Amino acid sequence: GAVQKALRAGRINANADKKIDADVADREWDVNTDASRIAVSAV
């Protein structure tokens, strides 16, 4: 669901075959993700 949400929001991109280039998507994910909205696991 997090990957699908990132695709819908345009934070990462997939090609026409609906495949994701992991290296490119990792960079896009890091650049386009707001750190204040990341869910953190509490102890």
PDB file of all heavy atoms in Angstrom:
ATOM      1  N   GLY A   1       0.820  -1.217   0.000  1.00  0.00           N
ATOM      2  CA  GLY A   1       0.000   0.000   0.000  1.00  0.00           C
ATOM      3  C   GLY A   1       0.853   1.267   0.000  1.00  0.00           C
ATOM      4  O   GLY A   1       0.508   2.264  -0.640  1.00  0.00           O
ATOM      5  N   ALA A   2       1.991   1.234   0.707  1.00  0.00           N
ATOM      6  CA  ALA A   2       2.877   2.404   0.746  1.00  0.00           C
ATOM      7  C   ALA A   2       3.483   2.656  -0.629  1.00  0.00           C
ATOM      8  O   ALA A   2       3.606   3.808  -1.063  1.00  0.00           O
ATOM      9  CB  ALA A   2       3.973   2.208   1.783  1.00  0.00           C
ATOM     10  N   VAL A   3       3.843   1.580  -1.327  1.00  0.00           N
ATOM     11  CA  VAL A   3       4.389   1.722  -2.683  1.00  0.00           C
ATOM     12  C   VAL A   3       3.310   2.257  -3.620  1.00  0.00           C
ATOM     13  O   VAL A   3       3.554   3.181  -4.409  1.00  0.00           O
ATOM     14  CB  VAL A   3       4.954   0.376  -3.198  1.00  0.00           C
ATOM     15  CG1 VAL A   3       5.335   0.456  -4.669  1.00  0.00           C
ATOM     16  CG2 VAL A   3       6.147  -0.054  -2.354  1.00  0.00           C
ATOM     17  N   GLN A   4       2.107   1.710  -3.534  1.00  0.00           N
ATOM     18  CA  GLN A   4       1.014   2.178  -4.395  1.00  0.00           C
ATOM     19  C   GLN A   4       0.679   3.642  -4.105  1.00  0.00           C
ATOM     20  O   GLN A   4       0.440   4.422  -5.027  1.00  0.00           O
ATOM     21  CB  GLN A   4      -0.224   1.290  -4.184  1.00  0.00           C
ATOM     22  CG  GLN A   4      -0.020  -0.112  -4.713  1.00  0.00           C
ATOM     23  CD  GLN A   4      -1.124  -1.066  -4.291  1.00  0.00           C
ATOM     24  OE1 GLN A   4      -1.774  -0.861  -3.276  1.00  0.00           O
ATOM     25  NE2 GLN A   4      -1.325  -2.112  -5.095  1.00  0.00           N
ATOM     26  N   LYS A   5       0.714   4.030  -2.845  1.00  0.00           N
ATOM     27  CA  LYS A   5       0.437   5.416  -2.481  1.00  0.00           C
ATOM     28  C   LYS A   5       1.532   6.344  -3.032  1.00  0.00           C
ATOM     29  O   LYS A   5       1.234   7.431  -3.534  1.00  0.00           O
ATOM     30  CB  LYS A   5       0.356   5.532  -0.958  1.00  0.00           C
ATOM     31  CG  LYS A   5      -0.059   6.894  -0.463  1.00  0.00           C
ATOM     32  CD  LYS A   5      -0.225   6.870   1.048  1.00  0.00           C
ATOM     33  CE  LYS A   5      -0.635   8.235   1.577  1.00  0.00           C
ATOM     34  NZ  LYS A   5      -0.796   8.225   3.026  1.00  0.00           N
ATOM     35  N   ALA A   6       2.788   5.911  -2.947  1.00  0.00           N
ATOM     36  CA  ALA A   6       3.887   6.716  -3.478  1.00  0.00           C
ATOM     37  C   ALA A   6       3.768   6.860  -4.995  1.00  0.00           C
ATOM     38  O   ALA A   6       4.053   7.929  -5.547  1.00  0.00           O
ATOM     39  CB  ALA A   6       5.229   6.081  -3.105  1.00  0.00           C
ATOM     40  N   LEU A   7       3.319   5.813  -5.671  1.00  0.00           N
ATOM     41  CA  LEU A   7       3.121   5.884  -7.125  1.00  0.00           C
ATOM     42  C   LEU A   7       1.997   6.868  -7.462  1.00  0.00           C
ATOM     43  O   LEU A   7       2.139   7.697  -8.359  1.00  0.00           O
ATOM     44  CB  LEU A   7       2.801   4.500  -7.694  1.00  0.00           C
ATOM     45  CG  LEU A   7       3.996   3.543  -7.814  1.00  0.00           C
ATOM     46  CD1 LEU A   7       3.520   2.113  -8.004  1.00  0.00           C
ATOM     47  CD2 LEU A   7       4.907   3.975  -8.954  1.00  0.00           C
ATOM     48  N   ARG A   8       0.885   6.781  -6.742  1.00  0.00           N
ATOM     49  CA  ARG A   8      -0.242   7.688  -6.994  1.00  0.00           C
ATOM     50  C   ARG A   8       0.135   9.142  -6.729  1.00  0.00           C
ATOM     51  O   ARG A   8      -0.294  10.050  -7.438  1.00  0.00           O
ATOM     52  CB  ARG A   8      -1.442   7.312  -6.114  1.00  0.00           C
ATOM     53  CG  ARG A   8      -2.242   6.140  -6.629  1.00  0.00           C
ATOM     54  CD  ARG A   8      -3.571   5.997  -5.882  1.00  0.00           C
ATOM     55  NE  ARG A   8      -3.442   5.915  -4.425  1.00  0.00           N
ATOM     56  CZ  ARG A   8      -3.265   4.802  -3.735  1.00  0.00           C
ATOM     57  NH1 ARG A   8      -3.202   3.650  -4.370  1.00  0.00           N
ATOM     58  NH2 ARG A   8      -3.170   4.830  -2.428  1.00  0.00           N
ATOM     59  N   ALA A   9       0.936   9.359  -5.684  1.00  0.00           N
ATOM     60  CA  ALA A   9       1.334  10.717  -5.320  1.00  0.00           C
ATOM     61  C   ALA A   9       2.436  11.257  -6.229  1.00  0.00           C
ATOM     62  O   ALA A   9       2.746  12.438  -6.178  1.00  0.00           O
ATOM     63  CB  ALA A   9       1.801  10.745  -3.865  1.00  0.00           C
ATOM     64  N   GLY A  10       3.037  10.385  -7.026  1.00  0.00           N
ATOM     65  CA  GLY A  10       4.103  10.820  -7.929  1.00  0.00           C
ATOM     66  C   GLY A  10       5.461  10.919  -7.264  1.00  0.00           C
ATOM     67  O   GLY A  10       6.381  11.504  -7.828  1.00  0.00           O
ATOM     68  N   ARG A  11       5.604  10.336  -6.070  1.00  0.00           N
ATOM     69  CA  ARG A  11       6.900  10.370  -5.397  1.00  0.00           C
ATOM     70  C   ARG A  11       7.887   9.410  -6.035  1.00  0.00           C
ATOM     71  O   ARG A  11       9.091   9.623  -5.958  1.00  0.00           O
ATOM     72  CB  ARG A  11       6.743  10.043  -3.905  1.00  0.00           C
ATOM     73  CG  ARG A  11       6.075  11.176  -3.145  1.00  0.00           C
ATOM     74  CD  ARG A  11       6.047  10.937  -1.656  1.00  0.00           C
ATOM     75  NE  ARG A  11       5.078   9.901  -1.327  1.00  0.00           N
ATOM     76  CZ  ARG A  11       5.311   8.859  -0.548  1.00  0.00           C
ATOM     77  NH1 ARG A  11       6.482   8.704   0.009  1.00  0.00           N
ATOM     78  NH2 ARG A  11       4.377   7.964  -0.315  1.00  0.00           N
ATOM     79  N   ILE A  12       7.375   8.329  -6.633  1.00  0.00           N
ATOM     80  CA  ILE A  12       8.200   7.410  -7.413  1.00  0.00           C
ATOM     81  C   ILE A  12       7.452   7.137  -8.718  1.00  0.00           C
ATOM     82  O   ILE A  12       6.249   7.402  -8.819  1.00  0.00           O
ATOM     83  CB  ILE A  12       8.486   6.079  -6.662  1.00  0.00           C
ATOM     84  CG1 ILE A  12       7.196   5.319  -6.348  1.00  0.00           C
ATOM     85  CG2 ILE A  12       9.308   6.334  -5.413  1.00  0.00           C
ATOM     86  CD1 ILE A  12       7.430   3.935  -5.767  1.00  0.00           C
ATOM     87  N   ASN A  13       8.179   6.608  -9.701  1.00  0.00           N
ATOM     88  CA  ASN A  13       7.580   6.347 -11.008  1.00  0.00           C
ATOM     89  C   ASN A  13       7.813   4.913 -11.435  1.00  0.00           C
ATOM     90  O   ASN A  13       8.817   4.297 -11.061  1.00  0.00           O
ATOM     91  CB  ASN A  13       8.181   7.297 -12.059  1.00  0.00           C
ATOM     92  CG  ASN A  13       7.851   8.738 -11.758  1.00  0.00           C
ATOM     93  OD1 ASN A  13       6.689   9.089 -11.603  1.00  0.00           O
ATOM     94  ND2 ASN A  13       8.877   9.570 -11.635  1.00  0.00           N
ATOM     95  N   ALA A  14       6.877   4.393 -12.217  1.00  0.00           N
ATOM     96  CA  ALA A  14       6.994   3.056 -12.800  1.00  0.00           C
ATOM     97  C   ALA A  14       6.996   3.216 -14.315  1.00  0.00           C
ATOM     98  O   ALA A  14       6.496   4.212 -14.852  1.00  0.00           O
ATOM     99  CB  ALA A  14       5.831   2.175 -12.346  1.00  0.00           C
ATOM    100  N   ASN A  15       7.556   2.218 -15.030  1.00  0.00           N
ATOM    101  CA  ASN A  15       7.560   2.296 -16.493  1.00  0.00           C
ATOM    102  C   ASN A  15       6.213   1.824 -17.048  1.00  0.00           C
ATOM    103  O   ASN A  15       5.294   1.494 -16.281  1.00  0.00           O
ATOM    104  CB  ASN A  15       8.741   1.504 -17.078  1.00  0.00           C
ATOM    105  CG  ASN A  15       8.644   0.005 -16.817  1.00  0.00           C
ATOM    106  OD1 ASN A  15       7.590  -0.508 -16.445  1.00  0.00           O
ATOM    107  ND2 ASN A  15       9.750  -0.693 -16.999  1.00  0.00           N
ATOM    108  N   ALA A  16       6.097   1.776 -18.354  1.00  0.00           N
ATOM    109  CA  ALA A  16       4.837   1.413 -19.007  1.00  0.00           C
ATOM    110  C   ALA A  16       4.399  -0.008 -18.673  1.00  0.00           C
ATOM    111  O   ALA A  16       3.206  -0.316 -18.677  1.00  0.00           O
ATOM    112  CB  ALA A  16       4.972   1.575 -20.529  1.00  0.00           C
ATOM    113  N   ASP A  17       5.348  -0.894 -18.375  1.00  0.00           N
ATOM    114  CA  ASP A  17       5.032  -2.279 -18.021  1.00  0.00           C
ATOM    115  C   ASP A  17       4.712  -2.435 -16.533  1.00  0.00           C
ATOM    116  O   ASP A  17       4.636  -3.558 -16.030  1.00  0.00           O
ATOM    117  CB  ASP A  17       6.220  -3.193 -18.366  1.00  0.00           C
ATOM    118  CG  ASP A  17       6.497  -3.239 -19.850  1.00  0.00           C
ATOM    119  OD1 ASP A  17       5.538  -3.035 -20.631  1.00  0.00           O
ATOM    120  OD2 ASP A  17       7.663  -3.483 -20.210  1.00  0.00           O
ATOM    121  N   LYS A  18       4.556  -1.304 -15.852  1.00  0.00           N
ATOM    122  CA  LYS A  18       4.280  -1.288 -14.415  1.00  0.00           C
ATOM    123  C   LYS A  18       5.385  -1.972 -13.613  1.00  0.00           C
ATOM    124  O   LYS A  18       5.137  -2.679 -12.641  1.00  0.00           O
ATOM    125  CB  LYS A  18       2.920  -1.903 -14.103  1.00  0.00           C
ATOM    126  CG  LYS A  18       1.775  -1.099 -14.683  1.00  0.00           C
ATOM    127  CD  LYS A  18       0.464  -1.582 -14.152  1.00  0.00           C
ATOM    128  CE  LYS A  18      -0.632  -0.682 -14.750  1.00  0.00           C
ATOM    129  NZ  LYS A  18      -1.892  -0.886 -14.122  1.00  0.00           N
ATOM    130  N   LYS A  19       6.619  -1.714 -14.032  1.00  0.00           N
ATOM    131  CA  LYS A  19       7.798  -2.204 -13.315  1.00  0.00           C
ATOM    132  C   LYS A  19       8.524  -0.991 -12.749  1.00  0.00           C
ATOM    133  O   LYS A  19       8.516   0.090 -13.330  1.00  0.00           O
ATOM    134  CB  LYS A  19       8.747  -2.972 -14.250  1.00  0.00           C
ATOM    135  CG  LYS A  19       8.151  -4.251 -14.803  1.00  0.00           C
ATOM    136  CD  LYS A  19       8.016  -5.279 -13.708  1.00  0.00           C
ATOM    137  CE  LYS A  19       7.475  -6.585 -14.305  1.00  0.00           C
ATOM    138  NZ  LYS A  19       7.279  -7.580 -13.297  1.00  0.00           N
ATOM    139  N   ILE A  20       9.170  -1.177 -11.632  1.00  0.00           N
ATOM    140  CA  ILE A  20       9.860  -0.091 -10.951  1.00  0.00           C
ATOM    141  C   ILE A  20      11.360  -0.338 -11.011  1.00  0.00           C
ATOM    142  O   ILE A  20      11.833  -1.436 -10.670  1.00  0.00           O
ATOM    143  CB  ILE A  20       9.415  -0.011  -9.472  1.00  0.00           C
ATOM    144  CG1 ILE A  20       7.918   0.273  -9.391  1.00  0.00           C
ATOM    145  CG2 ILE A  20      10.208   1.036  -8.715  1.00  0.00           C
ATOM    146  CD1 ILE A  20       7.362   0.200  -7.985  1.00  0.00           C
ATOM    147  N   ASP A  21      12.106   0.681 -11.451  1.00  0.00           N
ATOM    148  CA  ASP A  21      13.568   0.619 -11.414  1.00  0.00           C
ATOM    149  C   ASP A  21      13.967   0.930  -9.972  1.00  0.00           C
ATOM    150  O   ASP A  21      13.800   2.063  -9.502  1.00  0.00           O
ATOM    151  CB  ASP A  21      14.176   1.628 -12.379  1.00  0.00           C
ATOM    152  CG  ASP A  21      15.699   1.552 -12.432  1.00  0.00           C
ATOM    153  OD1 ASP A  21      16.301   0.926 -11.516  1.00  0.00           O
ATOM    154  OD2 ASP A  21      16.288   2.115 -13.366  1.00  0.00           O
ATOM    155  N   ALA A  22      14.489  -0.056  -9.245  1.00  0.00           N
ATOM    156  CA  ALA A  22      14.747   0.071  -7.811  1.00  0.00           C
ATOM    157  C   ALA A  22      15.716   1.200  -7.489  1.00  0.00           C
ATOM    158  O   ALA A  22      15.491   1.968  -6.548  1.00  0.00           O
ATOM    159  CB  ALA A  22      15.264  -1.247  -7.249  1.00  0.00           C
ATOM    160  N   ASP A  23      16.808   1.325  -8.244  1.00  0.00           N
ATOM    161  CA  ASP A  23      17.798   2.363  -7.947  1.00  0.00           C
ATOM    162  C   ASP A  23      17.199   3.758  -8.111  1.00  0.00           C
ATOM    163  O   ASP A  23      17.375   4.625  -7.257  1.00  0.00           O
ATOM    164  CB  ASP A  23      19.022   2.199  -8.853  1.00  0.00           C
ATOM    165  CG  ASP A  23      19.750   0.878  -8.600  1.00  0.00           C
ATOM    166  OD1 ASP A  23      19.698   0.391  -7.452  1.00  0.00           O
ATOM    167  OD2 ASP A  23      20.356   0.347  -9.550  1.00  0.00           O
ATOM    168  N   VAL A  24      16.493   3.979  -9.207  1.00  0.00           N
ATOM    169  CA  VAL A  24      15.880   5.280  -9.464  1.00  0.00           C
ATOM    170  C   VAL A  24      14.786   5.553  -8.428  1.00  0.00           C
ATOM    171  O   VAL A  24      14.699   6.650  -7.870  1.00  0.00           O
ATOM    172  CB  VAL A  24      15.307   5.335 -10.909  1.00  0.00           C
ATOM    173  CG1 VAL A  24      14.520   6.610 -11.129  1.00  0.00           C
ATOM    174  CG2 VAL A  24      16.425   5.193 -11.925  1.00  0.00           C
ATOM    175  N   ALA A  25      13.963   4.549  -8.170  1.00  0.00           N
ATOM    176  CA  ALA A  25      12.855   4.728  -7.228  1.00  0.00           C
ATOM    177  C   ALA A  25      13.366   4.996  -5.814  1.00  0.00           C
ATOM    178  O   ALA A  25      12.768   5.789  -5.081  1.00  0.00           O
ATOM    179  CB  ALA A  25      11.951   3.496  -7.242  1.00  0.00           C
ATOM    180  N   ASP A  26      14.475   4.357  -5.416  1.00  0.00           N
ATOM    181  CA  ASP A  26      15.043   4.619  -4.094  1.00  0.00           C
ATOM    182  C   ASP A  26      15.454   6.080  -3.966  1.00  0.00           C
ATOM    183  O   ASP A  26      15.185   6.724  -2.956  1.00  0.00           O
ATOM    184  CB  ASP A  26      16.254   3.717  -3.823  1.00  0.00           C
ATOM    185  CG  ASP A  26      15.865   2.288  -3.485  1.00  0.00           C
ATOM    186  OD1 ASP A  26      14.690   2.045  -3.127  1.00  0.00           O
ATOM    187  OD2 ASP A  26      16.752   1.410  -3.554  1.00  0.00           O
ATOM    188  N   ARG A  27      16.126   6.614  -4.991  1.00  0.00           N
ATOM    189  CA  ARG A  27      16.518   8.029  -4.957  1.00  0.00           C
ATOM    190  C   ARG A  27      15.285   8.926  -4.930  1.00  0.00           C
ATOM    191  O   ARG A  27      15.214   9.881  -4.148  1.00  0.00           O
ATOM    192  CB  ARG A  27      17.405   8.362  -6.159  1.00  0.00           C
ATOM    193  CG  ARG A  27      18.835   7.846  -6.014  1.00  0.00           C
ATOM    194  CD  ARG A  27      19.754   8.424  -7.070  1.00  0.00           C
ATOM    195  NE  ARG A  27      19.356   8.092  -8.435  1.00  0.00           N
ATOM    196  CZ  ARG A  27      19.670   6.954  -9.064  1.00  0.00           C
ATOM    197  NH1 ARG A  27      20.393   6.051  -8.436  1.00  0.00           N
ATOM    198  NH2 ARG A  27      19.279   6.734 -10.303  1.00  0.00           N
ATOM    199  N   GLU A  28      14.287   8.616  -5.769  1.00  0.00           N
ATOM    200  CA  GLU A  28      13.065   9.426  -5.807  1.00  0.00           C
ATOM    201  C   GLU A  28      12.352   9.375  -4.454  1.00  0.00           C
ATOM    202  O   GLU A  28      11.843  10.388  -3.965  1.00  0.00           O
ATOM    203  CB  GLU A  28      12.118   8.928  -6.905  1.00  0.00           C
ATOM    204  CG  GLU A  28      12.597   9.204  -8.308  1.00  0.00           C
ATOM    205  CD  GLU A  28      11.687   8.579  -9.366  1.00  0.00           C
ATOM    206  OE1 GLU A  28      10.898   7.662  -9.034  1.00  0.00           O
ATOM    207  OE2 GLU A  28      11.773   9.009 -10.526  1.00  0.00           O
ATOM    208  N   TRP A  29      12.280   8.194  -3.867  1.00  0.00           N
ATOM    209  CA  TRP A  29      11.607   8.006  -2.580  1.00  0.00           C
ATOM    210  C   TRP A  29      12.262   8.891  -1.517  1.00  0.00           C
ATOM    211  O   TRP A  29      11.583   9.587  -0.767  1.00  0.00           O
ATOM    212  CB  TRP A  29      11.693   6.538  -2.172  1.00  0.00           C
ATOM    213  CG  TRP A  29      10.850   6.166  -0.990  1.00  0.00           C
ATOM    214  CD1 TRP A  29      11.039   6.543   0.303  1.00  0.00           C
ATOM    215  CD2 TRP A  29       9.680   5.348  -0.989  1.00  0.00           C
ATOM    216  NE1 TRP A  29      10.076   6.003   1.111  1.00  0.00           N
ATOM    217  CE2 TRP A  29       9.223   5.254   0.339  1.00  0.00           C
ATOM    218  CE3 TRP A  29       8.993   4.668  -1.973  1.00  0.00           C
ATOM    219  CZ2 TRP A  29       8.118   4.527   0.706  1.00  0.00           C
ATOM    220  CZ3 TRP A  29       7.882   3.924  -1.599  1.00  0.00           C
ATOM    221  CH2 TRP A  29       7.440   3.863  -0.281  1.00  0.00           C
ATOM    222  N   ASP A  30      13.609   8.854  -1.459  1.00  0.00           N
ATOM    223  CA  ASP A  30      14.325   9.642  -0.451  1.00  0.00           C
ATOM    224  C   ASP A  30      14.150  11.141  -0.666  1.00  0.00           C
ATOM    225  O   ASP A  30      13.978  11.895   0.294  1.00  0.00           O
ATOM    226  CB  ASP A  30      15.818   9.285  -0.457  1.00  0.00           C
ATOM    227  CG  ASP A  30      16.065   7.867   0.041  1.00  0.00           C
ATOM    228  OD1 ASP A  30      15.213   7.331   0.777  1.00  0.00           O
ATOM    229  OD2 ASP A  30      17.121   7.302  -0.315  1.00  0.00           O
ATOM    230  N   VAL A  31      14.194  11.588  -1.897  1.00  0.00           N
ATOM    231  CA  VAL A  31      14.096  13.014  -2.197  1.00  0.00           C
ATOM    232  C   VAL A  31      12.671  13.530  -2.014  1.00  0.00           C
ATOM    233  O   VAL A  31      12.462  14.625  -1.493  1.00  0.00           O
ATOM    234  CB  VAL A  31      14.585  13.301  -3.638  1.00  0.00           C
ATOM    235  CG1 VAL A  31      14.282  14.726  -4.057  1.00  0.00           C
ATOM    236  CG2 VAL A  31      16.078  13.020  -3.751  1.00  0.00           C
ATOM    237  N   ASN A  32      11.693  12.758  -2.419  1.00  0.00           N
ATOM    238  CA  ASN A  32      10.313  13.230  -2.451  1.00  0.00           C
ATOM    239  C   ASN A  32       9.484  12.906  -1.208  1.00  0.00           C
ATOM    240  O   ASN A  32       8.310  13.239  -1.160  1.00  0.00           O
ATOM    241  CB  ASN A  32       9.595  12.661  -3.678  1.00  0.00           C
ATOM    242  CG  ASN A  32      10.225  13.146  -4.964  1.00  0.00           C
ATOM    243  OD1 ASN A  32      10.691  14.265  -5.048  1.00  0.00           O
ATOM    244  ND2 ASN A  32      10.253  12.284  -5.967  1.00  0.00           N
ATOM    245  N   THR A  33      10.060  12.243  -0.225  1.00  0.00           N
ATOM    246  CA  THR A  33       9.306  11.861   0.969  1.00  0.00           C
ATOM    247  C   THR A  33       9.554  12.871   2.078  1.00  0.00           C
ATOM    248  O   THR A  33      10.695  13.195   2.391  1.00  0.00           O
ATOM    249  CB  THR A  33       9.705  10.449   1.446  1.00  0.00           C
ATOM    250  OG1 THR A  33       9.418   9.533   0.393  1.00  0.00           O
ATOM    251  CG2 THR A  33       8.920  10.048   2.688  1.00  0.00           C
ATOM    252  N   ASP A  34       8.479  13.369   2.664  1.00  0.00           N
ATOM    253  CA  ASP A  34       8.535  14.316   3.771  1.00  0.00           C
ATOM    254  C   ASP A  34       8.852  13.541   5.053  1.00  0.00           C
ATOM    255  O   ASP A  34       8.073  12.691   5.479  1.00  0.00           O
ATOM    256  CB  ASP A  34       7.193  15.039   3.898  1.00  0.00           C
ATOM    257  CG  ASP A  34       7.166  16.063   5.011  1.00  0.00           C
ATOM    258  OD1 ASP A  34       8.232  16.328   5.613  1.00  0.00           O
ATOM    259  OD2 ASP A  34       6.080  16.606   5.272  1.00  0.00           O
ATOM    260  N   ALA A  35       9.995  13.831   5.673  1.00  0.00           N
ATOM    261  CA  ALA A  35      10.443  13.082   6.855  1.00  0.00           C
ATOM    262  C   ALA A  35       9.463  13.204   8.016  1.00  0.00           C
ATOM    263  O   ALA A  35       9.358  12.309   8.840  1.00  0.00           O
ATOM    264  CB  ALA A  35      11.823  13.561   7.291  1.00  0.00           C
ATOM    265  N   SER A  36       8.731  14.317   8.080  1.00  0.00           N
ATOM    266  CA  SER A  36       7.806  14.496   9.204  1.00  0.00           C
ATOM    267  C   SER A  36       6.578  13.606   9.106  1.00  0.00           C
ATOM    268  O   SER A  36       5.836  13.471  10.059  1.00  0.00           O
ATOM    269  CB  SER A  36       7.369  15.959   9.297  1.00  0.00           C
ATOM    270  OG  SER A  36       6.571  16.295   8.174  1.00  0.00           O
ATOM    271  N   ARG A  37       6.363  12.977   7.947  1.00  0.00           N
ATOM    272  CA  ARG A  37       5.181  12.138   7.779  1.00  0.00           C
ATOM    273  C   ARG A  37       5.504  10.650   7.823  1.00  0.00           C
ATOM    274  O   ARG A  37       4.642   9.821   7.600  1.00  0.00           O
ATOM    275  CB  ARG A  37       4.496  12.479   6.455  1.00  0.00           C
ATOM    276  CG  ARG A  37       4.134  13.969   6.460  1.00  0.00           C
ATOM    277  CD  ARG A  37       3.093  14.325   5.542  1.00  0.00           C
ATOM    278  NE  ARG A  37       1.911  13.536   5.796  1.00  0.00           N
ATOM    279  CZ  ARG A  37       0.848  13.580   5.028  1.00  0.00           C
ATOM    280  NH1 ARG A  37       0.817  14.364   3.998  1.00  0.00           N
ATOM    281  NH2 ARG A  37      -0.196  12.836   5.296  1.00  0.00           N
ATOM    282  N   ILE A  38       6.750  10.309   8.089  1.00  0.00           N
ATOM    283  CA  ILE A  38       7.162   8.910   8.146  1.00  0.00           C
ATOM    284  C   ILE A  38       6.689   8.307   9.457  1.00  0.00           C
ATOM    285  O   ILE A  38       6.907   8.874  10.525  1.00  0.00           O
ATOM    286  CB  ILE A  38       8.692   8.773   8.028  1.00  0.00           C
ATOM    287  CG1 ILE A  38       9.147   9.256   6.655  1.00  0.00           C
ATOM    288  CG2 ILE A  38       9.136   7.337   8.265  1.00  0.00           C
ATOM    289  CD1 ILE A  38      10.643   9.288   6.490  1.00  0.00           C
ATOM    290  N   ALA A  39       6.052   7.145   9.394  1.00  0.00           N
ATOM    291  CA  ALA A  39       5.599   6.450  10.603  1.00  0.00           C
ATOM    292  C   ALA A  39       6.812   5.850  11.286  1.00  0.00           C
ATOM    293  O   ALA A  39       7.662   5.258  10.655  1.00  0.00           O
ATOM    294  CB  ALA A  39       4.605   5.358  10.242  1.00  0.00           C
ATOM    295  N   VAL A  40       6.886   6.024  12.606  1.00  0.00           N
ATOM    296  CA  VAL A  40       8.017   5.534  13.372  1.00  0.00           C
ATOM    297  C   VAL A  40       7.523   4.454  14.312  1.00  0.00           C
ATOM    298  O   VAL A  40       6.480   4.591  14.934  1.00  0.00           O
ATOM    299  CB  VAL A  40       8.658   6.686  14.183  1.00  0.00           C
ATOM    300  CG1 VAL A  40       9.804   6.184  15.016  1.00  0.00           C
ATOM    301  CG2 VAL A  40       9.120   7.777  13.242  1.00  0.00           C
ATOM    302  N   SER A  41       8.276   3.367  14.416  1.00  0.00           N
ATOM    303  CA  SER A  41       7.911   2.286  15.326  1.00  0.00           C
ATOM    304  C   SER A  41       8.327   2.664  16.730  1.00  0.00           C
ATOM    305  O   SER A  41       9.500   2.884  16.989  1.00  0.00           O
ATOM    306  CB  SER A  41       8.632   0.992  14.925  1.00  0.00           C
ATOM    307  OG  SER A  41       8.324   0.650  13.610  1.00  0.00           O
ATOM    308  N   ALA A  42       7.364   2.756  17.645  1.00  0.00           N
ATOM    309  CA  ALA A  42       7.670   3.063  19.040  1.00  0.00           C
ATOM    310  C   ALA A  42       8.081   1.781  19.736  1.00  0.00           C
ATOM    311  O   ALA A  42       7.655   0.698  19.370  1.00  0.00           O
ATOM    312  CB  ALA A  42       6.450   3.664  19.737  1.00  0.00           C
ATOM    313  N   VAL A  43       8.920   1.910  20.753  1.00  0.00           N
ATOM    314  CA  VAL A  43       9.364   0.759  21.517  1.00  0.00           C
ATOM    315  C   VAL A  43       8.190   0.229  22.324  1.00  0.00           C
ATOM    316  O   VAL A  43       7.445   0.988  22.915  1.00  0.00           O
ATOM    317  CB  VAL A  43      10.513   1.159  22.464  1.00  0.00           C
ATOM    318  CG1 VAL A  43      10.868   0.020  23.378  1.00  0.00           C
ATOM    319  CG2 VAL A  43      11.720   1.582  21.671  1.00  0.00           C
TER     320      VAL A  43
END
